[in-house]
Amino acid sequence: VWNEDIIRAEDITDNVLHLLSSKMNGLSGDVQTLLKVMACFGSSTNESVIGYLSESAEYAGVRNGLEGALSDGFIVKDEEGCLQFVHDKVREAAYNLIPNSDKKQFHYHLG
């Protein structure tokens, strides 16, 4: 028998974010950087943007991180090269990889 009041009271969103964050913290630095970069752009970005960023020394590993993020199922790529997170909570967990104190600077460097 389901107790709907108890189910509604559970904070499932936080549990999902915690689970995703734990998994993401165990990923390679290149995959984490890619996920953080993509999270700053929103729910999707074009693969050409990742290619452009990978030409800079600071983001040289994002191209390598792309394959890991795809194979781990955090993002998907369509025929036109659009990369997107598989769910908003995955994007939120990726964005949370950036410490709050560093978010402004992270965005600035991407710009």
PDB file of N, CA and C in Angstrom:
ATOM      1  N   VAL A   1       0.854  -1.173   0.000  1.00  0.00           N
ATOM      2  CA  VAL A   1       0.000   0.000   0.000  1.00  0.00           C
ATOM      3  C   VAL A   1       0.900   1.236   0.000  1.00  0.00           C
ATOM      4  N   TRP A   2       0.594   2.162  -0.902  1.00  0.00           N
ATOM      5  CA  TRP A   2       1.347   3.399  -1.020  1.00  0.00           C
ATOM      6  C   TRP A   2       0.774   4.465  -0.102  1.00  0.00           C
ATOM      7  N   ASN A   3       1.631   5.151   0.605  1.00  0.00           N
ATOM      8  CA  ASN A   3       1.212   6.294   1.402  1.00  0.00           C
ATOM      9  C   ASN A   3       1.640   7.547   0.638  1.00  0.00           C
ATOM     10  N   GLU A   4       0.701   8.141  -0.069  1.00  0.00           N
ATOM     11  CA  GLU A   4       1.016   9.269  -0.942  1.00  0.00           C
ATOM     12  C   GLU A   4       1.585  10.463  -0.195  1.00  0.00           C
ATOM     13  N   ASP A   5       1.166  10.687   1.028  1.00  0.00           N
ATOM     14  CA  ASP A   5       1.693  11.815   1.804  1.00  0.00           C
ATOM     15  C   ASP A   5       3.186  11.634   2.089  1.00  0.00           C
ATOM     16  N   ILE A   6       3.574  10.427   2.421  1.00  0.00           N
ATOM     17  CA  ILE A   6       4.992  10.142   2.691  1.00  0.00           C
ATOM     18  C   ILE A   6       5.799  10.271   1.408  1.00  0.00           C
ATOM     19  N   ILE A   7       5.271   9.760   0.315  1.00  0.00           N
ATOM     20  CA  ILE A   7       5.970   9.837  -0.965  1.00  0.00           C
ATOM     21  C   ILE A   7       6.176  11.292  -1.378  1.00  0.00           C
ATOM     22  N   ARG A   8       5.152  12.103  -1.248  1.00  0.00           N
ATOM     23  CA  ARG A   8       5.255  13.528  -1.595  1.00  0.00           C
ATOM     24  C   ARG A   8       6.253  14.256  -0.700  1.00  0.00           C
ATOM     25  N   ALA A   9       6.375  13.818   0.536  1.00  0.00           N
ATOM     26  CA  ALA A   9       7.274  14.477   1.487  1.00  0.00           C
ATOM     27  C   ALA A   9       8.745  14.166   1.199  1.00  0.00           C
ATOM     28  N   GLU A  10       9.019  13.068   0.509  1.00  0.00           N
ATOM     29  CA  GLU A  10      10.397  12.706   0.183  1.00  0.00           C
ATOM     30  C   GLU A  10      10.989  13.726  -0.785  1.00  0.00           C
ATOM     31  N   ASP A  11      12.227  14.061  -0.585  1.00  0.00           N
ATOM     32  CA  ASP A  11      12.902  15.015  -1.458  1.00  0.00           C
ATOM     33  C   ASP A  11      13.718  14.242  -2.484  1.00  0.00           C
ATOM     34  N   ILE A  12      13.044  13.729  -3.467  1.00  0.00           N
ATOM     35  CA  ILE A  12      13.674  12.877  -4.470  1.00  0.00           C
ATOM     36  C   ILE A  12      14.628  13.674  -5.349  1.00  0.00           C
ATOM     37  N   THR A  13      14.310  14.924  -5.622  1.00  0.00           N
ATOM     38  CA  THR A  13      15.166  15.751  -6.467  1.00  0.00           C
ATOM     39  C   THR A  13      16.565  15.857  -5.888  1.00  0.00           C
ATOM     40  N   ASP A  14      16.670  16.128  -4.591  1.00  0.00           N
ATOM     41  CA  ASP A  14      17.985  16.222  -3.963  1.00  0.00           C
ATOM     42  C   ASP A  14      18.725  14.894  -4.032  1.00  0.00           C
ATOM     43  N   ASN A  15      18.010  13.781  -3.886  1.00  0.00           N
ATOM     44  CA  ASN A  15      18.650  12.470  -3.968  1.00  0.00           C
ATOM     45  C   ASN A  15      19.223  12.230  -5.355  1.00  0.00           C
ATOM     46  N   VAL A  16      18.474  12.602  -6.388  1.00  0.00           N
ATOM     47  CA  VAL A  16      18.946  12.435  -7.763  1.00  0.00           C
ATOM     48  C   VAL A  16      20.173  13.298  -8.002  1.00  0.00           C
ATOM     49  N   LEU A  17      20.124  14.546  -7.567  1.00  0.00           N
ATOM     50  CA  LEU A  17      21.270  15.439  -7.736  1.00  0.00           C
ATOM     51  C   LEU A  17      22.496  14.921  -6.995  1.00  0.00           C
ATOM     52  N   HIS A  18      22.294  14.419  -5.797  1.00  0.00           N
ATOM     53  CA  HIS A  18      23.409  13.872  -5.021  1.00  0.00           C
ATOM     54  C   HIS A  18      24.020  12.661  -5.742  1.00  0.00           C
ATOM     55  N   LEU A  19      23.186  11.790  -6.242  1.00  0.00           N
ATOM     56  CA  LEU A  19      23.652  10.610  -6.971  1.00  0.00           C
ATOM     57  C   LEU A  19      24.424  11.006  -8.224  1.00  0.00           C
ATOM     58  N   LEU A  20      23.874  11.931  -9.005  1.00  0.00           N
ATOM     59  CA  LEU A  20      24.547  12.397 -10.214  1.00  0.00           C
ATOM     60  C   LEU A  20      25.867  13.088  -9.876  1.00  0.00           C
ATOM     61  N   SER A  21      25.851  13.930  -8.857  1.00  0.00           N
ATOM     62  CA  SER A  21      27.076  14.637  -8.461  1.00  0.00           C
ATOM     63  C   SER A  21      28.161  13.666  -8.023  1.00  0.00           C
ATOM     64  N   SER A  22      27.774  12.642  -7.282  1.00  0.00           N
ATOM     65  CA  SER A  22      28.747  11.636  -6.841  1.00  0.00           C
ATOM     66  C   SER A  22      29.378  10.943  -8.033  1.00  0.00           C
ATOM     67  N   LYS A  23      28.567  10.581  -9.015  1.00  0.00           N
ATOM     68  CA  LYS A  23      29.090   9.922 -10.211  1.00  0.00           C
ATOM     69  C   LYS A  23      29.994  10.868 -10.997  1.00  0.00           C
ATOM     70  N   MET A  24      29.564  12.104 -11.139  1.00  0.00           N
ATOM     71  CA  MET A  24      30.358  13.073 -11.904  1.00  0.00           C
ATOM     72  C   MET A  24      31.687  13.396 -11.228  1.00  0.00           C
ATOM     73  N   ASN A  25      31.721  13.409  -9.912  1.00  0.00           N
ATOM     74  CA  ASN A  25      32.968  13.679  -9.202  1.00  0.00           C
ATOM     75  C   ASN A  25      34.013  12.603  -9.451  1.00  0.00           C
ATOM     76  N   GLY A  26      33.581  11.409  -9.840  1.00  0.00           N
ATOM     77  CA  GLY A  26      34.513  10.325 -10.128  1.00  0.00           C
ATOM     78  C   GLY A  26      34.994  10.283 -11.570  1.00  0.00           C
ATOM     79  N   LEU A  27      34.511  11.200 -12.403  1.00  0.00           N
ATOM     80  CA  LEU A  27      34.899  11.229 -13.817  1.00  0.00           C
ATOM     81  C   LEU A  27      36.262  11.887 -13.991  1.00  0.00           C
ATOM     82  N   SER A  28      36.855  11.663 -15.147  1.00  0.00           N
ATOM     83  CA  SER A  28      38.146  12.296 -15.447  1.00  0.00           C
ATOM     84  C   SER A  28      37.991  13.812 -15.496  1.00  0.00           C
ATOM     85  N   GLY A  29      39.093  14.502 -15.347  1.00  0.00           N
ATOM     86  CA  GLY A  29      39.074  15.961 -15.387  1.00  0.00           C
ATOM     87  C   GLY A  29      38.551  16.501 -16.710  1.00  0.00           C
ATOM     88  N   ASP A  30      38.897  15.845 -17.827  1.00  0.00           N
ATOM     89  CA  ASP A  30      38.435  16.298 -19.134  1.00  0.00           C
ATOM     90  C   ASP A  30      36.920  16.196 -19.258  1.00  0.00           C
ATOM     91  N   VAL A  31      36.341  15.102 -18.769  1.00  0.00           N
ATOM     92  CA  VAL A  31      34.888  14.932 -18.843  1.00  0.00           C
ATOM     93  C   VAL A  31      34.209  15.955 -17.940  1.00  0.00           C
ATOM     94  N   GLN A  32      34.743  16.147 -16.744  1.00  0.00           N
ATOM     95  CA  GLN A  32      34.162  17.136 -15.835  1.00  0.00           C
ATOM     96  C   GLN A  32      34.209  18.533 -16.439  1.00  0.00           C
ATOM     97  N   THR A  33      35.334  18.880 -17.054  1.00  0.00           N
ATOM     98  CA  THR A  33      35.452  20.200 -17.674  1.00  0.00           C
ATOM     99  C   THR A  33      34.439  20.365 -18.792  1.00  0.00           C
ATOM    100  N   LEU A  34      34.291  19.345 -19.622  1.00  0.00           N
ATOM    101  CA  LEU A  34      33.302  19.415 -20.691  1.00  0.00           C
ATOM    102  C   LEU A  34      31.901  19.626 -20.125  1.00  0.00           C
ATOM    103  N   LEU A  35      31.537  18.863 -19.110  1.00  0.00           N
ATOM    104  CA  LEU A  35      30.208  18.981 -18.515  1.00  0.00           C
ATOM    105  C   LEU A  35      29.989  20.372 -17.917  1.00  0.00           C
ATOM    106  N   LYS A  36      31.005  20.911 -17.254  1.00  0.00           N
ATOM    107  CA  LYS A  36      30.892  22.251 -16.673  1.00  0.00           C
ATOM    108  C   LYS A  36      30.719  23.307 -17.766  1.00  0.00           C
ATOM    109  N   VAL A  37      31.511  23.181 -18.828  1.00  0.00           N
ATOM    110  CA  VAL A  37      31.415  24.123 -19.943  1.00  0.00           C
ATOM    111  C   VAL A  37      30.031  24.063 -20.568  1.00  0.00           C
ATOM    112  N   MET A  38      29.565  22.861 -20.858  1.00  0.00           N
ATOM    113  CA  MET A  38      28.249  22.713 -21.462  1.00  0.00           C
ATOM    114  C   MET A  38      27.152  23.254 -20.553  1.00  0.00           C
ATOM    115  N   ALA A  39      27.278  23.025 -19.254  1.00  0.00           N
ATOM    116  CA  ALA A  39      26.272  23.510 -18.306  1.00  0.00           C
ATOM    117  C   ALA A  39      26.191  25.034 -18.320  1.00  0.00           C
ATOM    118  N   CYS A  40      27.316  25.694 -18.541  1.00  0.00           N
ATOM    119  CA  CYS A  40      27.312  27.152 -18.614  1.00  0.00           C
ATOM    120  C   CYS A  40      26.584  27.659 -19.849  1.00  0.00           C
ATOM    121  N   PHE A  41      26.594  26.878 -20.916  1.00  0.00           N
ATOM    122  CA  PHE A  41      25.898  27.274 -22.143  1.00  0.00           C
ATOM    123  C   PHE A  41      24.409  26.972 -22.098  1.00  0.00           C
ATOM    124  N   GLY A  42      23.972  26.184 -21.139  1.00  0.00           N
ATOM    125  CA  GLY A  42      22.556  25.845 -21.043  1.00  0.00           C
ATOM    126  C   GLY A  42      22.336  24.370 -21.305  1.00  0.00           C
ATOM    127  N   SER A  43      21.149  24.041 -21.776  1.00  0.00           N
ATOM    128  CA  SER A  43      20.806  22.625 -21.958  1.00  0.00           C
ATOM    129  C   SER A  43      21.437  22.023 -23.203  1.00  0.00           C
ATOM    130  N   SER A  44      21.883  22.874 -24.144  1.00  0.00           N
ATOM    131  CA  SER A  44      22.515  22.336 -25.347  1.00  0.00           C
ATOM    132  C   SER A  44      23.522  23.319 -25.916  1.00  0.00           C
ATOM    133  N   THR A  45      24.426  22.801 -26.722  1.00  0.00           N
ATOM    134  CA  THR A  45      25.402  23.611 -27.446  1.00  0.00           C
ATOM    135  C   THR A  45      25.822  22.832 -28.681  1.00  0.00           C
ATOM    136  N   ASN A  46      26.453  23.500 -29.590  1.00  0.00           N
ATOM    137  CA  ASN A  46      26.890  22.850 -30.814  1.00  0.00           C
ATOM    138  C   ASN A  46      28.296  22.299 -30.644  1.00  0.00           C
ATOM    139  N   GLU A  47      28.548  21.179 -31.286  1.00  0.00           N
ATOM    140  CA  GLU A  47      29.865  20.551 -31.201  1.00  0.00           C
ATOM    141  C   GLU A  47      30.963  21.483 -31.719  1.00  0.00           C
ATOM    142  N   SER A  48      30.636  22.380 -32.637  1.00  0.00           N
ATOM    143  CA  SER A  48      31.637  23.316 -33.157  1.00  0.00           C
ATOM    144  C   SER A  48      32.149  24.258 -32.057  1.00  0.00           C
ATOM    145  N   VAL A  49      31.296  24.584 -31.099  1.00  0.00           N
ATOM    146  CA  VAL A  49      31.716  25.427 -29.968  1.00  0.00           C
ATOM    147  C   VAL A  49      32.754  24.682 -29.132  1.00  0.00           C
ATOM    148  N   ILE A  50      32.507  23.398 -28.913  1.00  0.00           N
ATOM    149  CA  ILE A  50      33.467  22.580 -28.162  1.00  0.00           C
ATOM    150  C   ILE A  50      34.783  22.490 -28.921  1.00  0.00           C
ATOM    151  N   GLY A  51      34.700  22.333 -30.247  1.00  0.00           N
ATOM    152  CA  GLY A  51      35.911  22.301 -31.075  1.00  0.00           C
ATOM    153  C   GLY A  51      36.692  23.593 -30.986  1.00  0.00           C
ATOM    154  N   TYR A  52      35.990  24.703 -31.022  1.00  0.00           N
ATOM    155  CA  TYR A  52      36.628  26.008 -30.914  1.00  0.00           C
ATOM    156  C   TYR A  52      37.320  26.159 -29.560  1.00  0.00           C
ATOM    157  N   LEU A  53      36.622  25.812 -28.495  1.00  0.00           N
ATOM    158  CA  LEU A  53      37.194  25.924 -27.154  1.00  0.00           C
ATOM    159  C   LEU A  53      38.410  25.027 -26.987  1.00  0.00           C
ATOM    160  N   SER A  54      38.381  23.851 -27.609  1.00  0.00           N
ATOM    161  CA  SER A  54      39.489  22.901 -27.441  1.00  0.00           C
ATOM    162  C   SER A  54      40.791  23.409 -28.047  1.00  0.00           C
ATOM    163  N   GLU A  55      40.711  24.457 -28.860  1.00  0.00           N
ATOM    164  CA  GLU A  55      41.924  25.046 -29.439  1.00  0.00           C
ATOM    165  C   GLU A  55      42.677  25.914 -28.443  1.00  0.00           C
ATOM    166  N   SER A  56      42.032  26.286 -27.339  1.00  0.00           N
ATOM    167  CA  SER A  56      42.708  27.092 -26.318  1.00  0.00           C
ATOM    168  C   SER A  56      43.366  26.170 -25.297  1.00  0.00           C
ATOM    169  N   ALA A  57      44.434  26.656 -24.699  1.00  0.00           N
ATOM    170  CA  ALA A  57      45.165  25.848 -23.715  1.00  0.00           C
ATOM    171  C   ALA A  57      44.294  25.495 -22.513  1.00  0.00           C
ATOM    172  N   GLU A  58      43.478  26.436 -22.082  1.00  0.00           N
ATOM    173  CA  GLU A  58      42.658  26.229 -20.880  1.00  0.00           C
ATOM    174  C   GLU A  58      41.613  25.129 -21.059  1.00  0.00           C
ATOM    175  N   TYR A  59      41.103  24.981 -22.285  1.00  0.00           N
ATOM    176  CA  TYR A  59      40.037  24.018 -22.537  1.00  0.00           C
ATOM    177  C   TYR A  59      40.458  22.934 -23.527  1.00  0.00           C
ATOM    178  N   ALA A  60      41.756  22.672 -23.607  1.00  0.00           N
ATOM    179  CA  ALA A  60      42.275  21.709 -24.573  1.00  0.00           C
ATOM    180  C   ALA A  60      41.678  20.312 -24.388  1.00  0.00           C
ATOM    181  N   GLY A  61      41.300  19.939 -23.188  1.00  0.00           N
ATOM    182  CA  GLY A  61      40.807  18.594 -22.922  1.00  0.00           C
ATOM    183  C   GLY A  61      39.331  18.378 -23.168  1.00  0.00           C
ATOM    184  N   VAL A  62      38.584  19.447 -23.523  1.00  0.00           N
ATOM    185  CA  VAL A  62      37.143  19.264 -23.661  1.00  0.00           C
ATOM    186  C   VAL A  62      36.782  18.332 -24.807  1.00  0.00           C
ATOM    187  N   ARG A  63      37.557  18.330 -25.864  1.00  0.00           N
ATOM    188  CA  ARG A  63      37.284  17.420 -26.976  1.00  0.00           C
ATOM    189  C   ARG A  63      37.427  15.979 -26.504  1.00  0.00           C
ATOM    190  N   ASN A  64      38.458  15.698 -25.697  1.00  0.00           N
ATOM    191  CA  ASN A  64      38.629  14.350 -25.138  1.00  0.00           C
ATOM    192  C   ASN A  64      37.486  13.995 -24.196  1.00  0.00           C
ATOM    193  N   GLY A  65      37.018  14.974 -23.440  1.00  0.00           N
ATOM    194  CA  GLY A  65      35.936  14.741 -22.503  1.00  0.00           C
ATOM    195  C   GLY A  65      34.608  14.452 -23.174  1.00  0.00           C
ATOM    196  N   LEU A  66      34.482  14.880 -24.421  1.00  0.00           N
ATOM    197  CA  LEU A  66      33.225  14.689 -25.146  1.00  0.00           C
ATOM    198  C   LEU A  66      32.869  13.216 -25.284  1.00  0.00           C
ATOM    199  N   GLU A  67      33.827  12.406 -25.686  1.00  0.00           N
ATOM    200  CA  GLU A  67      33.556  10.965 -25.857  1.00  0.00           C
ATOM    201  C   GLU A  67      33.148  10.306 -24.545  1.00  0.00           C
ATOM    202  N   GLY A  68      33.817  10.682 -23.459  1.00  0.00           N
ATOM    203  CA  GLY A  68      33.478  10.116 -22.158  1.00  0.00           C
ATOM    204  C   GLY A  68      32.073  10.503 -21.707  1.00  0.00           C
ATOM    205  N   ALA A  69      31.717  11.765 -21.921  1.00  0.00           N
ATOM    206  CA  ALA A  69      30.379  12.234 -21.528  1.00  0.00           C
ATOM    207  C   ALA A  69      29.292  11.569 -22.361  1.00  0.00           C
ATOM    208  N   LEU A  70      29.586  11.337 -23.644  1.00  0.00           N
ATOM    209  CA  LEU A  70      28.629  10.639 -24.506  1.00  0.00           C
ATOM    210  C   LEU A  70      28.488   9.175 -24.091  1.00  0.00           C
ATOM    211  N   SER A  71      29.613   8.506 -23.881  1.00  0.00           N
ATOM    212  CA  SER A  71      29.556   7.081 -23.537  1.00  0.00           C
ATOM    213  C   SER A  71      28.977   6.839 -22.148  1.00  0.00           C
ATOM    214  N   ASP A  72      29.154   7.783 -21.235  1.00  0.00           N
ATOM    215  CA  ASP A  72      28.568   7.657 -19.900  1.00  0.00           C
ATOM    216  C   ASP A  72      27.089   8.016 -19.876  1.00  0.00           C
ATOM    217  N   GLY A  73      26.580   8.544 -20.983  1.00  0.00           N
ATOM    218  CA  GLY A  73      25.151   8.824 -21.092  1.00  0.00           C
ATOM    219  C   GLY A  73      24.692  10.131 -20.480  1.00  0.00           C
ATOM    220  N   PHE A  74      25.615  11.056 -20.222  1.00  0.00           N
ATOM    221  CA  PHE A  74      25.222  12.349 -19.666  1.00  0.00           C
ATOM    222  C   PHE A  74      24.704  13.292 -20.742  1.00  0.00           C
ATOM    223  N   ILE A  75      25.237  13.141 -21.948  1.00  0.00           N
ATOM    224  CA  ILE A  75      24.811  13.981 -23.067  1.00  0.00           C
ATOM    225  C   ILE A  75      24.544  13.105 -24.283  1.00  0.00           C
ATOM    226  N   VAL A  76      23.832  13.667 -25.237  1.00  0.00           N
ATOM    227  CA  VAL A  76      23.583  13.006 -26.524  1.00  0.00           C
ATOM    228  C   VAL A  76      23.918  13.989 -27.633  1.00  0.00           C
ATOM    229  N   LYS A  77      24.186  13.444 -28.823  1.00  0.00           N
ATOM    230  CA  LYS A  77      24.504  14.269 -29.984  1.00  0.00           C
ATOM    231  C   LYS A  77      23.560  13.900 -31.115  1.00  0.00           C
ATOM    232  N   ASP A  78      22.977  14.914 -31.762  1.00  0.00           N
ATOM    233  CA  ASP A  78      22.100  14.633 -32.892  1.00  0.00           C
ATOM    234  C   ASP A  78      22.875  14.712 -34.208  1.00  0.00           C
ATOM    235  N   GLU A  79      22.174  14.524 -35.330  1.00  0.00           N
ATOM    236  CA  GLU A  79      22.807  14.484 -36.650  1.00  0.00           C
ATOM    237  C   GLU A  79      23.482  15.804 -37.025  1.00  0.00           C
ATOM    238  N   GLU A  80      22.977  16.913 -36.510  1.00  0.00           N
ATOM    239  CA  GLU A  80      23.538  18.228 -36.846  1.00  0.00           C
ATOM    240  C   GLU A  80      24.691  18.636 -35.937  1.00  0.00           C
ATOM    241  N   GLY A  81      25.080  17.784 -35.008  1.00  0.00           N
ATOM    242  CA  GLY A  81      26.175  18.107 -34.102  1.00  0.00           C
ATOM    243  C   GLY A  81      25.750  18.876 -32.873  1.00  0.00           C
ATOM    244  N   CYS A  82      24.466  18.896 -32.601  1.00  0.00           N
ATOM    245  CA  CYS A  82      23.975  19.558 -31.389  1.00  0.00           C
ATOM    246  C   CYS A  82      24.146  18.598 -30.210  1.00  0.00           C
ATOM    247  N   LEU A  83      24.820  19.073 -29.188  1.00  0.00           N
ATOM    248  CA  LEU A  83      25.044  18.295 -27.971  1.00  0.00           C
ATOM    249  C   LEU A  83      24.072  18.787 -26.917  1.00  0.00           C
ATOM    250  N   GLN A  84      23.415  17.875 -26.254  1.00  0.00           N
ATOM    251  CA  GLN A  84      22.513  18.309 -25.185  1.00  0.00           C
ATOM    252  C   GLN A  84      22.514  17.323 -24.027  1.00  0.00           C
ATOM    253  N   PHE A  85      22.239  17.876 -22.863  1.00  0.00           N
ATOM    254  CA  PHE A  85      22.116  17.041 -21.675  1.00  0.00           C
ATOM    255  C   PHE A  85      20.874  16.174 -21.809  1.00  0.00           C
ATOM    256  N   VAL A  86      20.956  14.953 -21.274  1.00  0.00           N
ATOM    257  CA  VAL A  86      19.823  14.033 -21.380  1.00  0.00           C
ATOM    258  C   VAL A  86      18.668  14.435 -20.464  1.00  0.00           C
ATOM    259  N   HIS A  87      18.937  15.275 -19.480  1.00  0.00           N
ATOM    260  CA  HIS A  87      17.885  15.724 -18.559  1.00  0.00           C
ATOM    261  C   HIS A  87      18.357  17.006 -17.881  1.00  0.00           C
ATOM    262  N   ASP A  88      17.406  17.836 -17.491  1.00  0.00           N
ATOM    263  CA  ASP A  88      17.736  19.085 -16.796  1.00  0.00           C
ATOM    264  C   ASP A  88      18.506  18.844 -15.504  1.00  0.00           C
ATOM    265  N   LYS A  89      18.211  17.759 -14.820  1.00  0.00           N
ATOM    266  CA  LYS A  89      18.904  17.466 -13.563  1.00  0.00           C
ATOM    267  C   LYS A  89      20.372  17.095 -13.812  1.00  0.00           C
ATOM    268  N   VAL A  90      20.658  16.511 -14.967  1.00  0.00           N
ATOM    269  CA  VAL A  90      22.053  16.209 -15.317  1.00  0.00           C
ATOM    270  C   VAL A  90      22.794  17.523 -15.530  1.00  0.00           C
ATOM    271  N   ARG A  91      22.162  18.465 -16.223  1.00  0.00           N
ATOM    272  CA  ARG A  91      22.774  19.775 -16.416  1.00  0.00           C
ATOM    273  C   ARG A  91      22.984  20.473 -15.072  1.00  0.00           C
ATOM    274  N   GLU A  92      21.994  20.397 -14.200  1.00  0.00           N
ATOM    275  CA  GLU A  92      22.103  21.032 -12.889  1.00  0.00           C
ATOM    276  C   GLU A  92      23.254  20.431 -12.077  1.00  0.00           C
ATOM    277  N   ALA A  93      23.380  19.120 -12.111  1.00  0.00           N
ATOM    278  CA  ALA A  93      24.477  18.462 -11.390  1.00  0.00           C
ATOM    279  C   ALA A  93      25.828  18.859 -11.989  1.00  0.00           C
ATOM    280  N   ALA A  94      25.888  18.966 -13.312  1.00  0.00           N
ATOM    281  CA  ALA A  94      27.134  19.383 -13.965  1.00  0.00           C
ATOM    282  C   ALA A  94      27.492  20.814 -13.573  1.00  0.00           C
ATOM    283  N   TYR A  95      26.503  21.685 -13.544  1.00  0.00           N
ATOM    284  CA  TYR A  95      26.750  23.076 -13.166  1.00  0.00           C
ATOM    285  C   TYR A  95      27.211  23.166 -11.708  1.00  0.00           C
ATOM    286  N   ASN A  96      26.697  22.279 -10.877  1.00  0.00           N
ATOM    287  CA  ASN A  96      27.097  22.262  -9.470  1.00  0.00           C
ATOM    288  C   ASN A  96      28.518  21.766  -9.252  1.00  0.00           C
ATOM    289  N   LEU A  97      29.153  21.215 -10.291  1.00  0.00           N
ATOM    290  CA  LEU A  97      30.569  20.847 -10.189  1.00  0.00           C
ATOM    291  C   LEU A  97      31.448  22.090 -10.042  1.00  0.00           C
ATOM    292  N   ILE A  98      30.937  23.221 -10.505  1.00  0.00           N
ATOM    293  CA  ILE A  98      31.674  24.484 -10.385  1.00  0.00           C
ATOM    294  C   ILE A  98      31.364  25.068  -9.005  1.00  0.00           C
ATOM    295  N   PRO A  99      32.381  25.259  -8.174  1.00  0.00           N
ATOM    296  CA  PRO A  99      32.119  25.863  -6.860  1.00  0.00           C
ATOM    297  C   PRO A  99      31.443  27.225  -7.027  1.00  0.00           C
ATOM    298  N   ASN A 100      30.499  27.530  -6.154  1.00  0.00           N
ATOM    299  CA  ASN A 100      29.769  28.798  -6.242  1.00  0.00           C
ATOM    300  C   ASN A 100      30.706  29.997  -6.319  1.00  0.00           C
ATOM    301  N   SER A 101      31.793  29.947  -5.581  1.00  0.00           N
ATOM    302  CA  SER A 101      32.737  31.062  -5.562  1.00  0.00           C
ATOM    303  C   SER A 101      33.473  31.227  -6.892  1.00  0.00           C
ATOM    304  N   ASP A 102      33.466  30.196  -7.753  1.00  0.00           N
ATOM    305  CA  ASP A 102      34.187  30.239  -9.022  1.00  0.00           C
ATOM    306  C   ASP A 102      33.282  30.432 -10.236  1.00  0.00           C
ATOM    307  N   LYS A 103      31.977  30.407 -10.053  1.00  0.00           N
ATOM    308  CA  LYS A 103      31.055  30.434 -11.200  1.00  0.00           C
ATOM    309  C   LYS A 103      31.200  31.692 -12.048  1.00  0.00           C
ATOM    310  N   LYS A 104      31.287  32.824 -11.425  1.00  0.00           N
ATOM    311  CA  LYS A 104      31.407  34.077 -12.182  1.00  0.00           C
ATOM    312  C   LYS A 104      32.679  34.067 -13.025  1.00  0.00           C
ATOM    313  N   GLN A 105      33.781  33.657 -12.437  1.00  0.00           N
ATOM    314  CA  GLN A 105      35.062  33.602 -13.145  1.00  0.00           C
ATOM    315  C   GLN A 105      35.029  32.560 -14.252  1.00  0.00           C
ATOM    316  N   PHE A 106      34.386  31.439 -14.022  1.00  0.00           N
ATOM    317  CA  PHE A 106      34.269  30.373 -15.025  1.00  0.00           C
ATOM    318  C   PHE A 106      33.518  30.896 -16.248  1.00  0.00           C
ATOM    319  N   HIS A 107      32.406  31.576 -16.019  1.00  0.00           N
ATOM    320  CA  HIS A 107      31.637  32.163 -17.112  1.00  0.00           C
ATOM    321  C   HIS A 107      32.473  33.215 -17.853  1.00  0.00           C
ATOM    322  N   TYR A 108      33.193  34.017 -17.106  1.00  0.00           N
ATOM    323  CA  TYR A 108      34.016  35.070 -17.703  1.00  0.00           C
ATOM    324  C   TYR A 108      35.056  34.471 -18.657  1.00  0.00           C
ATOM    325  N   HIS A 109      35.719  33.403 -18.234  1.00  0.00           N
ATOM    326  CA  HIS A 109      36.739  32.775 -19.075  1.00  0.00           C
ATOM    327  C   HIS A 109      36.136  32.162 -20.332  1.00  0.00           C
ATOM    328  N   LEU A 110      34.938  31.652 -20.221  1.00  0.00           N
ATOM    329  CA  LEU A 110      34.279  31.096 -21.409  1.00  0.00           C
ATOM    330  C   LEU A 110      33.939  32.194 -22.422  1.00  0.00           C
ATOM    331  N   GLY A 111      33.592  33.370 -21.901  1.00  0.00           N
ATOM    332  CA  GLY A 111      33.233  34.495 -22.775  1.00  0.00           C
ATOM    333  C   GLY A 111      34.414  34.989 -23.529  1.00  0.00           C
TER     334      GLY A 111
END
